[in-house]
Structure formats: structure tokens, C-alpha cells
Amino acid sequence: MTNPFDLTGKVAIVTGANTGIGQAIAVALATAGADVACVGRTPAEDTVAQIRALGRNAEIVSADLSTIEPVQRVVDETVAKLGRLDILINNAGIIRRADAVDFTEADWDAVIDTNLKSVFFLCQAAGRHM
């Protein structure tokens, strides 16, 4: 019987792959056989090292997703380095802690730009390669 969770030959992008949930997802995908583009504002060197130790290919793609400017580059760089794109995990996100009555427009824009706007446009760019 074949393993329904086998991702051998698949390529994934994981945003926010530096630490925490994003790092765990990236390593889990690699454990299942996928190669992974690890996206973060700072290089996800530890995540890439863990994935390579599993015998999978992993690449660092540095990008600040608080704007949509790097979105197309993230996809293009992934395809250039890893040959294809099959899976997108939009994990990157930010939080601003303030009472609703004190939340500024700048705080609102920062959260929406990172947690919603970049997610939509990264899905759009990735979808063109899938």
C-alpha cells in the first residue's frame, strides 16, 4: 500500500519558517519527502540545516512580507532554486497588542498587510505555477 502522506518530489514554500509553527511545518513537510523554500525576514538557517539533515533539499528565501513587493520574487526564486512549486504554506504573521480603542491606523495597516494582503497575493503568484 502506498503512503498517502508521501510528498516525495514535491516542493513547498513555507513563510515564517524561521521559528515556531512555521519551522515545525517546514521540517514536517521535509520528513514527508518534500523539498522546502524557507521564507522569512531573516534567514531560516536552522530550519534549512534541519531539513538538509533529513536528506531533503532546502533553500533560504529572505523576504519581508509586510508589503507585496517581494511576493513574486519569493515564488520565482523558489521555482528557480527547487525546480517547481506544489505546496504553499502561508504561516508568516504579526500581531500588534493594543485595546481596540487605542489601535492606530498604522497598527491596523501593518497587521492587514502582513496577515491578509501578502497572503492573498502570494496565493495568487503561487497559483500561477501550480
C-alpha atoms as a PDB file:
ATOM      1  CA  MET A   1       0.000   0.000   0.000  1.00  0.00           C
ATOM      2  CA  THR A   2       1.316   3.457  -0.847  1.00  0.00           C
ATOM      3  CA  ASN A   3       1.745   6.143   1.777  1.00  0.00           C
ATOM      4  CA  PRO A   4      -0.956   8.798   1.238  1.00  0.00           C
ATOM      5  CA  PHE A   5       1.237  11.308   3.063  1.00  0.00           C
ATOM      6  CA  ASP A   6       4.284  10.822   0.831  1.00  0.00           C
ATOM      7  CA  LEU A   7       5.430  14.175  -0.572  1.00  0.00           C
ATOM      8  CA  THR A   8       8.500  12.907  -2.408  1.00  0.00           C
ATOM      9  CA  GLY A   9       9.152  15.057  -5.460  1.00  0.00           C
ATOM     10  CA  LYS A  10       7.002  17.927  -4.197  1.00  0.00           C
ATOM     11  CA  VAL A  11       8.247  21.442  -3.476  1.00  0.00           C
ATOM     12  CA  ALA A  12       6.792  23.639  -0.746  1.00  0.00           C
ATOM     13  CA  ILE A  13       7.072  27.276   0.238  1.00  0.00           C
ATOM     14  CA  VAL A  14       6.690  27.906   3.968  1.00  0.00           C
ATOM     15  CA  THR A  15       6.522  31.521   5.111  1.00  0.00           C
ATOM     16  CA  GLY A  16       7.598  32.310   8.640  1.00  0.00           C
ATOM     17  CA  ALA A  17       9.822  29.228   8.566  1.00  0.00           C
ATOM     18  CA  ASN A  18      12.412  30.684  10.947  1.00  0.00           C
ATOM     19  CA  THR A  19      10.871  29.500  14.219  1.00  0.00           C
ATOM     20  CA  GLY A  20       7.846  28.041  15.911  1.00  0.00           C
ATOM     21  CA  ILE A  21       4.948  26.666  13.898  1.00  0.00           C
ATOM     22  CA  GLY A  22       6.494  27.612  10.545  1.00  0.00           C
ATOM     23  CA  GLN A  23       9.713  25.805  11.356  1.00  0.00           C
ATOM     24  CA  ALA A  24       7.798  22.733  12.536  1.00  0.00           C
ATOM     25  CA  ILE A  25       5.693  22.698   9.358  1.00  0.00           C
ATOM     26  CA  ALA A  26       8.771  23.034   7.135  1.00  0.00           C
ATOM     27  CA  VAL A  27      10.529  20.153   8.896  1.00  0.00           C
ATOM     28  CA  ALA A  28       7.356  18.016   8.816  1.00  0.00           C
ATOM     29  CA  LEU A  29       6.970  18.564   5.068  1.00  0.00           C
ATOM     30  CA  ALA A  30      10.600  17.543   4.571  1.00  0.00           C
ATOM     31  CA  THR A  31      10.085  14.480   6.759  1.00  0.00           C
ATOM     32  CA  ALA A  32       7.259  13.524   4.386  1.00  0.00           C
ATOM     33  CA  GLY A  33       9.643  13.911   1.432  1.00  0.00           C
ATOM     34  CA  ALA A  34       9.168  17.481   0.201  1.00  0.00           C
ATOM     35  CA  ASP A  35      11.884  19.968  -0.637  1.00  0.00           C
ATOM     36  CA  VAL A  36      11.234  23.305   1.061  1.00  0.00           C
ATOM     37  CA  ALA A  37      11.798  27.003   0.405  1.00  0.00           C
ATOM     38  CA  CYS A  38      12.049  28.543   3.865  1.00  0.00           C
ATOM     39  CA  VAL A  39      10.837  32.136   3.754  1.00  0.00           C
ATOM     40  CA  GLY A  40      11.476  34.674   6.498  1.00  0.00           C
ATOM     41  CA  ARG A  41      12.502  38.239   7.210  1.00  0.00           C
ATOM     42  CA  THR A  42      15.769  36.806   8.483  1.00  0.00           C
ATOM     43  CA  PRO A  43      17.465  33.739   7.007  1.00  0.00           C
ATOM     44  CA  ALA A  44      15.994  30.473   8.301  1.00  0.00           C
ATOM     45  CA  GLU A  45      19.417  28.844   8.629  1.00  0.00           C
ATOM     46  CA  ASP A  46      18.491  26.491  11.487  1.00  0.00           C
ATOM     47  CA  THR A  47      15.383  25.273   9.664  1.00  0.00           C
ATOM     48  CA  VAL A  48      17.335  24.667   6.468  1.00  0.00           C
ATOM     49  CA  ALA A  49      20.014  22.756   8.405  1.00  0.00           C
ATOM     50  CA  GLN A  50      17.368  20.505  10.000  1.00  0.00           C
ATOM     51  CA  ILE A  51      15.790  19.790   6.616  1.00  0.00           C
ATOM     52  CA  ARG A  52      19.102  19.049   4.935  1.00  0.00           C
ATOM     53  CA  ALA A  53      19.959  16.690   7.806  1.00  0.00           C
ATOM     54  CA  LEU A  54      16.883  14.707   6.732  1.00  0.00           C
ATOM     55  CA  GLY A  55      18.377  14.360   3.251  1.00  0.00           C
ATOM     56  CA  ARG A  56      15.971  16.822   1.650  1.00  0.00           C
ATOM     57  CA  ASN A  57      16.774  19.976  -0.273  1.00  0.00           C
ATOM     58  CA  ALA A  58      16.008  23.284   1.412  1.00  0.00           C
ATOM     59  CA  GLU A  59      16.659  26.846   0.355  1.00  0.00           C
ATOM     60  CA  ILE A  60      16.527  30.161   2.182  1.00  0.00           C
ATOM     61  CA  VAL A  61      14.342  32.816   0.574  1.00  0.00           C
ATOM     62  CA  SER A  62      14.613  36.059   2.527  1.00  0.00           C
ATOM     63  CA  ALA A  63      11.553  38.290   2.276  1.00  0.00           C
ATOM     64  CA  ASP A  64       9.687  40.792   4.411  1.00  0.00           C
ATOM     65  CA  LEU A  65       6.033  40.086   3.678  1.00  0.00           C
ATOM     66  CA  SER A  66       4.783  43.302   5.261  1.00  0.00           C
ATOM     67  CA  THR A  67       4.499  44.513   1.657  1.00  0.00           C
ATOM     68  CA  ILE A  68       3.572  42.649  -1.505  1.00  0.00           C
ATOM     69  CA  GLU A  69       6.760  43.778  -3.258  1.00  0.00           C
ATOM     70  CA  PRO A  70       8.700  40.507  -2.668  1.00  0.00           C
ATOM     71  CA  VAL A  71       5.763  38.163  -3.337  1.00  0.00           C
ATOM     72  CA  GLN A  72       6.501  37.348  -6.978  1.00  0.00           C
ATOM     73  CA  ARG A  73      10.234  37.087  -6.231  1.00  0.00           C
ATOM     74  CA  VAL A  74       9.538  34.504  -3.497  1.00  0.00           C
ATOM     75  CA  VAL A  75       7.738  32.276  -5.996  1.00  0.00           C
ATOM     76  CA  ASP A  76      10.216  32.893  -8.824  1.00  0.00           C
ATOM     77  CA  GLU A  77      13.223  32.241  -6.576  1.00  0.00           C
ATOM     78  CA  THR A  78      11.656  29.030  -5.269  1.00  0.00           C
ATOM     79  CA  VAL A  79      10.982  27.721  -8.765  1.00  0.00           C
ATOM     80  CA  ALA A  80      14.483  28.742  -9.908  1.00  0.00           C
ATOM     81  CA  LYS A  81      16.191  27.036  -6.946  1.00  0.00           C
ATOM     82  CA  LEU A  82      13.960  23.982  -6.483  1.00  0.00           C
ATOM     83  CA  GLY A  83      12.517  23.467  -9.962  1.00  0.00           C
ATOM     84  CA  ARG A  84       8.788  23.635  -9.281  1.00  0.00           C
ATOM     85  CA  LEU A  85       6.111  24.592  -6.769  1.00  0.00           C
ATOM     86  CA  ASP A  86       3.395  22.306  -5.417  1.00  0.00           C
ATOM     87  CA  ILE A  87       2.580  23.462  -1.886  1.00  0.00           C
ATOM     88  CA  LEU A  88       2.194  26.883  -0.272  1.00  0.00           C
ATOM     89  CA  ILE A  89       2.004  27.330   3.495  1.00  0.00           C
ATOM     90  CA  ASN A  90       1.183  30.922   4.459  1.00  0.00           C
ATOM     91  CA  ASN A  91       2.340  30.897   8.065  1.00  0.00           C
ATOM     92  CA  ALA A  92       4.017  34.309   8.450  1.00  0.00           C
ATOM     93  CA  GLY A  93       2.073  36.736  10.561  1.00  0.00           C
ATOM     94  CA  ILE A  94       2.362  39.584  13.012  1.00  0.00           C
ATOM     95  CA  ILE A  95       0.399  40.808  15.986  1.00  0.00           C
ATOM     96  CA  ARG A  96       0.034  44.255  17.487  1.00  0.00           C
ATOM     97  CA  ARG A  97      -1.213  44.261  21.064  1.00  0.00           C
ATOM     98  CA  ALA A  98      -3.486  47.150  21.979  1.00  0.00           C
ATOM     99  CA  ASP A  99      -7.017  47.740  23.131  1.00  0.00           C
ATOM    100  CA  ALA A 100      -9.367  48.303  20.213  1.00  0.00           C
ATOM    101  CA  VAL A 101      -9.900  51.921  21.260  1.00  0.00           C
ATOM    102  CA  ASP A 102      -6.138  52.519  21.168  1.00  0.00           C
ATOM    103  CA  PHE A 103      -5.319  50.610  17.971  1.00  0.00           C
ATOM    104  CA  THR A 104      -3.816  53.005  15.426  1.00  0.00           C
ATOM    105  CA  GLU A 105      -4.319  53.016  11.693  1.00  0.00           C
ATOM    106  CA  ALA A 106      -0.608  52.227  11.275  1.00  0.00           C
ATOM    107  CA  ASP A 107      -1.000  49.169  13.524  1.00  0.00           C
ATOM    108  CA  TRP A 108      -4.097  48.081  11.582  1.00  0.00           C
ATOM    109  CA  ASP A 109      -2.359  48.511   8.229  1.00  0.00           C
ATOM    110  CA  ALA A 110       0.713  46.569   9.376  1.00  0.00           C
ATOM    111  CA  VAL A 111      -1.374  43.606  10.542  1.00  0.00           C
ATOM    112  CA  ILE A 112      -3.623  43.578   7.463  1.00  0.00           C
ATOM    113  CA  ASP A 113      -0.697  43.980   5.049  1.00  0.00           C
ATOM    114  CA  THR A 114       1.218  41.048   6.535  1.00  0.00           C
ATOM    115  CA  ASN A 115      -1.578  38.737   7.640  1.00  0.00           C
ATOM    116  CA  LEU A 116      -4.049  39.222   4.791  1.00  0.00           C
ATOM    117  CA  LYS A 117      -2.783  41.209   1.821  1.00  0.00           C
ATOM    118  CA  SER A 118       0.511  39.364   1.347  1.00  0.00           C
ATOM    119  CA  VAL A 119      -1.261  36.022   1.887  1.00  0.00           C
ATOM    120  CA  PHE A 120      -3.729  36.715  -0.923  1.00  0.00           C
ATOM    121  CA  PHE A 121      -1.089  37.909  -3.372  1.00  0.00           C
ATOM    122  CA  LEU A 122       1.298  35.072  -2.519  1.00  0.00           C
ATOM    123  CA  CYS A 123      -1.538  32.601  -3.199  1.00  0.00           C
ATOM    124  CA  GLN A 124      -2.147  34.364  -6.499  1.00  0.00           C
ATOM    125  CA  ALA A 125       1.524  34.244  -7.529  1.00  0.00           C
ATOM    126  CA  ALA A 126       1.926  30.620  -6.410  1.00  0.00           C
ATOM    127  CA  GLY A 127      -1.267  29.573  -8.162  1.00  0.00           C
ATOM    128  CA  ARG A 128       0.211  30.611 -11.487  1.00  0.00           C
ATOM    129  CA  HIS A 129       2.911  27.930 -11.026  1.00  0.00           C
ATOM    130  CA  MET A 130       0.674  25.137  -9.786  1.00  0.00           C
END
